[in-house]
C-alpha atoms as a PDB file:
ATOM      1  CA  UNK A   1     -31.828  17.043 -11.102  1.00  0.00           C
ATOM      2  CA  UNK A   2     -30.505  18.440  -7.896  1.00  0.00           C
ATOM      3  CA  UNK A   3     -31.751  15.079  -6.307  1.00  0.00           C
ATOM      4  CA  UNK A   4     -29.623  13.120  -8.668  1.00  0.00           C
ATOM      5  CA  UNK A   5     -26.735  14.925  -7.732  1.00  0.00           C
ATOM      6  CA  UNK A   6     -27.414  13.944  -4.099  1.00  0.00           C
ATOM      7  CA  UNK A   7     -27.683  10.320  -4.704  1.00  0.00           C
ATOM      8  CA  UNK A   8     -24.766  10.190  -6.864  1.00  0.00           C
ATOM      9  CA  UNK A   9     -22.636  12.013  -4.010  1.00  0.00           C
ATOM     10  CA  UNK A  10     -24.458  10.047  -1.657  1.00  0.00           C
ATOM     11  CA  UNK A  11     -23.309   6.871  -2.965  1.00  0.00           C
ATOM     12  CA  UNK A  12     -20.027   7.747  -3.422  1.00  0.00           C
ATOM     13  CA  UNK A  13     -19.635   9.058   0.538  1.00  0.00           C
ATOM     14  CA  UNK A  14     -20.567   5.574   1.655  1.00  0.00           C
ATOM     15  CA  UNK A  15     -18.874   3.478  -1.013  1.00  0.00           C
ATOM     16  CA  UNK A  16     -15.406   5.046  -0.575  1.00  0.00           C
ATOM     17  CA  UNK A  17     -12.957   3.672   1.871  1.00  0.00           C
ATOM     18  CA  UNK A  18     -10.952   6.080   4.003  1.00  0.00           C
ATOM     19  CA  UNK A  19      -7.355   6.557   3.877  1.00  0.00           C
ATOM     20  CA  UNK A  20      -5.676   6.439   7.585  1.00  0.00           C
ATOM     21  CA  UNK A  21      -2.128   6.857   6.830  1.00  0.00           C
ATOM     22  CA  UNK A  22       0.762   6.844   4.093  1.00  0.00           C
ATOM     23  CA  UNK A  23       4.430   6.143   3.424  1.00  0.00           C
ATOM     24  CA  UNK A  24       6.874   7.007   1.142  1.00  0.00           C
ATOM     25  CA  UNK A  25       9.580   3.990   1.523  1.00  0.00           C
ATOM     26  CA  UNK A  26      11.756   5.763  -0.468  1.00  0.00           C
ATOM     27  CA  UNK A  27      11.965   8.689   2.228  1.00  0.00           C
ATOM     28  CA  UNK A  28      10.594   7.154   5.130  1.00  0.00           C
ATOM     29  CA  UNK A  29      11.828   3.667   4.981  1.00  0.00           C
ATOM     30  CA  UNK A  30      10.633   1.989   8.434  1.00  0.00           C
ATOM     31  CA  UNK A  31       8.352   4.809   9.806  1.00  0.00           C
ATOM     32  CA  UNK A  32       5.921   3.630  11.767  1.00  0.00           C
ATOM     33  CA  UNK A  33       2.078   4.531  11.170  1.00  0.00           C
ATOM     34  CA  UNK A  34       0.173   4.444  14.388  1.00  0.00           C
ATOM     35  CA  UNK A  35      -4.069   4.460  14.522  1.00  0.00           C
ATOM     36  CA  UNK A  36      -6.545   3.616  16.919  1.00  0.00           C
ATOM     37  CA  UNK A  37      -8.821   0.919  15.821  1.00  0.00           C
ATOM     38  CA  UNK A  38     -12.318  -0.177  16.850  1.00  0.00           C
ATOM     39  CA  UNK A  39     -12.845  -4.071  17.198  1.00  0.00           C
ATOM     40  CA  UNK A  40     -13.751  -5.859  13.536  1.00  0.00           C
ATOM     41  CA  UNK A  41     -12.062  -2.904  11.808  1.00  0.00           C
ATOM     42  CA  UNK A  42     -10.097  -3.921   8.469  1.00  0.00           C
ATOM     43  CA  UNK A  43      -7.141  -2.279   7.058  1.00  0.00           C
ATOM     44  CA  UNK A  44      -6.477  -2.990   3.561  1.00  0.00           C
ATOM     45  CA  UNK A  45      -2.662  -2.091   2.062  1.00  0.00           C
ATOM     46  CA  UNK A  46      -2.278  -0.188  -0.984  1.00  0.00           C
ATOM     47  CA  UNK A  47       0.837   0.678  -2.767  1.00  0.00           C
ATOM     48  CA  UNK A  48       1.676   3.235  -5.559  1.00  0.00           C
ATOM     49  CA  UNK A  49       4.765   2.303  -7.990  1.00  0.00           C
ATOM     50  CA  UNK A  50       6.587   3.494 -10.472  1.00  0.00           C
ATOM     51  CA  UNK A  51       9.946   1.610 -11.442  1.00  0.00           C
ATOM     52  CA  UNK A  52      12.264   1.249 -14.618  1.00  0.00           C
ATOM     53  CA  UNK A  53      14.286  -2.288 -14.779  1.00  0.00           C
ATOM     54  CA  UNK A  54      16.236  -4.475 -17.375  1.00  0.00           C
ATOM     55  CA  UNK A  55      15.386  -7.356 -14.886  1.00  0.00           C
ATOM     56  CA  UNK A  56      12.340  -8.009 -12.910  1.00  0.00           C
ATOM     57  CA  UNK A  57      13.477  -7.032  -9.139  1.00  0.00           C
ATOM     58  CA  UNK A  58      12.967  -8.867  -6.249  1.00  0.00           C
ATOM     59  CA  UNK A  59      10.902  -6.580  -3.692  1.00  0.00           C
ATOM     60  CA  UNK A  60       9.547  -6.879  -0.306  1.00  0.00           C
ATOM     61  CA  UNK A  61       7.865  -4.968   1.741  1.00  0.00           C
ATOM     62  CA  UNK A  62       8.301  -6.322   4.972  1.00  0.00           C
ATOM     63  CA  UNK A  63       5.556  -5.057   8.025  1.00  0.00           C
ATOM     64  CA  UNK A  64       5.875  -5.029  11.658  1.00  0.00           C
ATOM     65  CA  UNK A  65       2.439  -5.058  13.447  1.00  0.00           C
ATOM     66  CA  UNK A  66       1.726  -3.613  16.971  1.00  0.00           C
ATOM     67  CA  UNK A  67      -0.742  -3.572  19.267  1.00  0.00           C
ATOM     68  CA  UNK A  68      -0.294  -1.059  22.188  1.00  0.00           C
ATOM     69  CA  UNK A  69       3.365  -1.027  21.594  1.00  0.00           C
ATOM     70  CA  UNK A  70       3.605  -4.925  21.706  1.00  0.00           C
ATOM     71  CA  UNK A  71       4.577  -6.728  19.055  1.00  0.00           C
ATOM     72  CA  UNK A  72       1.814  -9.057  17.282  1.00  0.00           C
ATOM     73  CA  UNK A  73       3.613 -10.277  14.305  1.00  0.00           C
ATOM     74  CA  UNK A  74       5.330  -9.676  11.442  1.00  0.00           C
ATOM     75  CA  UNK A  75       5.751 -10.689   7.556  1.00  0.00           C
ATOM     76  CA  UNK A  76       6.677  -9.745   3.724  1.00  0.00           C
ATOM     77  CA  UNK A  77       4.646  -9.338   0.917  1.00  0.00           C
ATOM     78  CA  UNK A  78       5.981  -8.934  -3.110  1.00  0.00           C
ATOM     79  CA  UNK A  79       4.812  -4.837  -3.586  1.00  0.00           C
ATOM     80  CA  UNK A  80       4.665  -6.362  -7.701  1.00  0.00           C
ATOM     81  CA  UNK A  81       1.717  -8.486  -6.818  1.00  0.00           C
ATOM     82  CA  UNK A  82      -1.689  -6.283  -6.573  1.00  0.00           C
ATOM     83  CA  UNK A  83      -5.052  -6.367  -7.772  1.00  0.00           C
ATOM     84  CA  UNK A  84      -7.623  -3.713  -8.547  1.00  0.00           C
ATOM     85  CA  UNK A  85      -4.604  -1.891 -10.479  1.00  0.00           C
ATOM     86  CA  UNK A  86      -5.460   1.692 -11.315  1.00  0.00           C
ATOM     87  CA  UNK A  87      -3.767   4.062 -13.536  1.00  0.00           C
ATOM     88  CA  UNK A  88      -1.433   1.170 -14.811  1.00  0.00           C
ATOM     89  CA  UNK A  89       1.228   1.709 -17.355  1.00  0.00           C
ATOM     90  CA  UNK A  90       3.388  -0.706 -18.536  1.00  0.00           C
ATOM     91  CA  UNK A  91       6.005  -0.510 -21.794  1.00  0.00           C
ATOM     92  CA  UNK A  92       9.002  -2.211 -23.025  1.00  0.00           C
ATOM     93  CA  UNK A  93      11.912  -0.413 -25.519  1.00  0.00           C
ATOM     94  CA  UNK A  94      15.137  -1.246 -25.793  1.00  0.00           C
ATOM     95  CA  UNK A  95      15.095  -3.942 -23.207  1.00  0.00           C
ATOM     96  CA  UNK A  96      14.055  -1.452 -20.621  1.00  0.00           C
ATOM     97  CA  UNK A  97      10.573  -1.907 -18.937  1.00  0.00           C
ATOM     98  CA  UNK A  98       8.522   1.285 -17.549  1.00  0.00           C
ATOM     99  CA  UNK A  99       6.196   0.098 -14.860  1.00  0.00           C
ATOM    100  CA  UNK A 100       3.791   2.276 -12.946  1.00  0.00           C
ATOM    101  CA  UNK A 101       0.618   1.406 -10.912  1.00  0.00           C
ATOM    102  CA  UNK A 102      -1.232   1.909  -7.921  1.00  0.00           C
ATOM    103  CA  UNK A 103      -2.761  -1.114  -6.721  1.00  0.00           C
ATOM    104  CA  UNK A 104      -4.283  -3.006  -3.863  1.00  0.00           C
ATOM    105  CA  UNK A 105      -1.818  -5.660  -2.047  1.00  0.00           C
ATOM    106  CA  UNK A 106      -3.058  -9.448  -1.100  1.00  0.00           C
ATOM    107  CA  UNK A 107      -4.563  -9.723   2.370  1.00  0.00           C
ATOM    108  CA  UNK A 108      -5.609  -7.382   5.209  1.00  0.00           C
ATOM    109  CA  UNK A 109      -5.080  -6.913   8.937  1.00  0.00           C
ATOM    110  CA  UNK A 110      -8.328  -7.034  10.961  1.00  0.00           C
ATOM    111  CA  UNK A 111      -8.435  -5.893  14.348  1.00  0.00           C
ATOM    112  CA  UNK A 112      -9.205  -8.270  17.052  1.00  0.00           C
ATOM    113  CA  UNK A 113     -10.005  -5.677  20.057  1.00  0.00           C
ATOM    114  CA  UNK A 114     -10.228  -1.579  20.001  1.00  0.00           C
ATOM    115  CA  UNK A 115      -6.860  -0.534  20.645  1.00  0.00           C
ATOM    116  CA  UNK A 116      -3.820   1.155  19.442  1.00  0.00           C
ATOM    117  CA  UNK A 117      -2.346  -0.527  16.723  1.00  0.00           C
ATOM    118  CA  UNK A 118       0.715   0.636  14.649  1.00  0.00           C
ATOM    119  CA  UNK A 119       2.181  -1.039  11.194  1.00  0.00           C
ATOM    120  CA  UNK A 120       5.783  -0.320  10.321  1.00  0.00           C
ATOM    121  CA  UNK A 121       6.710  -1.161   7.031  1.00  0.00           C
ATOM    122  CA  UNK A 122       9.937  -1.125   5.222  1.00  0.00           C
ATOM    123  CA  UNK A 123      10.874  -1.391   1.819  1.00  0.00           C
ATOM    124  CA  UNK A 124      13.852  -4.638   1.131  1.00  0.00           C
ATOM    125  CA  UNK A 125      15.018  -4.677  -2.631  1.00  0.00           C
ATOM    126  CA  UNK A 126      17.715  -6.078  -4.437  1.00  0.00           C
ATOM    127  CA  UNK A 127      20.405  -4.114  -6.049  1.00  0.00           C
ATOM    128  CA  UNK A 128      19.901  -5.164  -9.867  1.00  0.00           C
ATOM    129  CA  UNK A 129      22.206  -2.850 -12.606  1.00  0.00           C
ATOM    130  CA  UNK A 130      19.504  -0.631 -14.207  1.00  0.00           C
ATOM    131  CA  UNK A 131      16.922  -0.695 -11.533  1.00  0.00           C
ATOM    132  CA  UNK A 132      15.865   2.667 -11.047  1.00  0.00           C
ATOM    133  CA  UNK A 133      12.737   3.263  -8.373  1.00  0.00           C
ATOM    134  CA  UNK A 134      10.625   6.711  -8.914  1.00  0.00           C
ATOM    135  CA  UNK A 135       8.175   5.854  -6.393  1.00  0.00           C
ATOM    136  CA  UNK A 136       7.434   3.076  -3.661  1.00  0.00           C
ATOM    137  CA  UNK A 137       4.351   4.340  -1.183  1.00  0.00           C
ATOM    138  CA  UNK A 138       2.293   2.644   0.626  1.00  0.00           C
ATOM    139  CA  UNK A 139      -1.535   3.420   2.040  1.00  0.00           C
ATOM    140  CA  UNK A 140      -3.387   2.113   4.742  1.00  0.00           C
ATOM    141  CA  UNK A 141      -6.895   2.224   3.840  1.00  0.00           C
ATOM    142  CA  UNK A 142      -9.742   1.577   6.050  1.00  0.00           C
END
């Protein structure tokens, strides 16, 4: 029986990705997250969102990527378009949608050389009537 537990623990340990940073975009919009990456390391981006709305909002997570302090590129992504969703709840009552989930954002970042990289995310949103944002976190996973 002990052997079984060690096998399960080993599988979980080696199959799990490692969170290397997170930003609460409601409290720390445009906070820069920095980490050292080795050549070939891949960073995946995840989000956890909890919103209420009448009309589906237009959101963008804007990213600026840096290597050793120098700009690499920037771009944006819709945080409501995700894969691998977990803990998702979606309900609609009296025209008000409540939607909550944790999911993987499209795309990944791959380090081309060993260096200090940083990502500066920001949250751009429209001002829709009836929009309530309870949570908008972003996670960086290696």
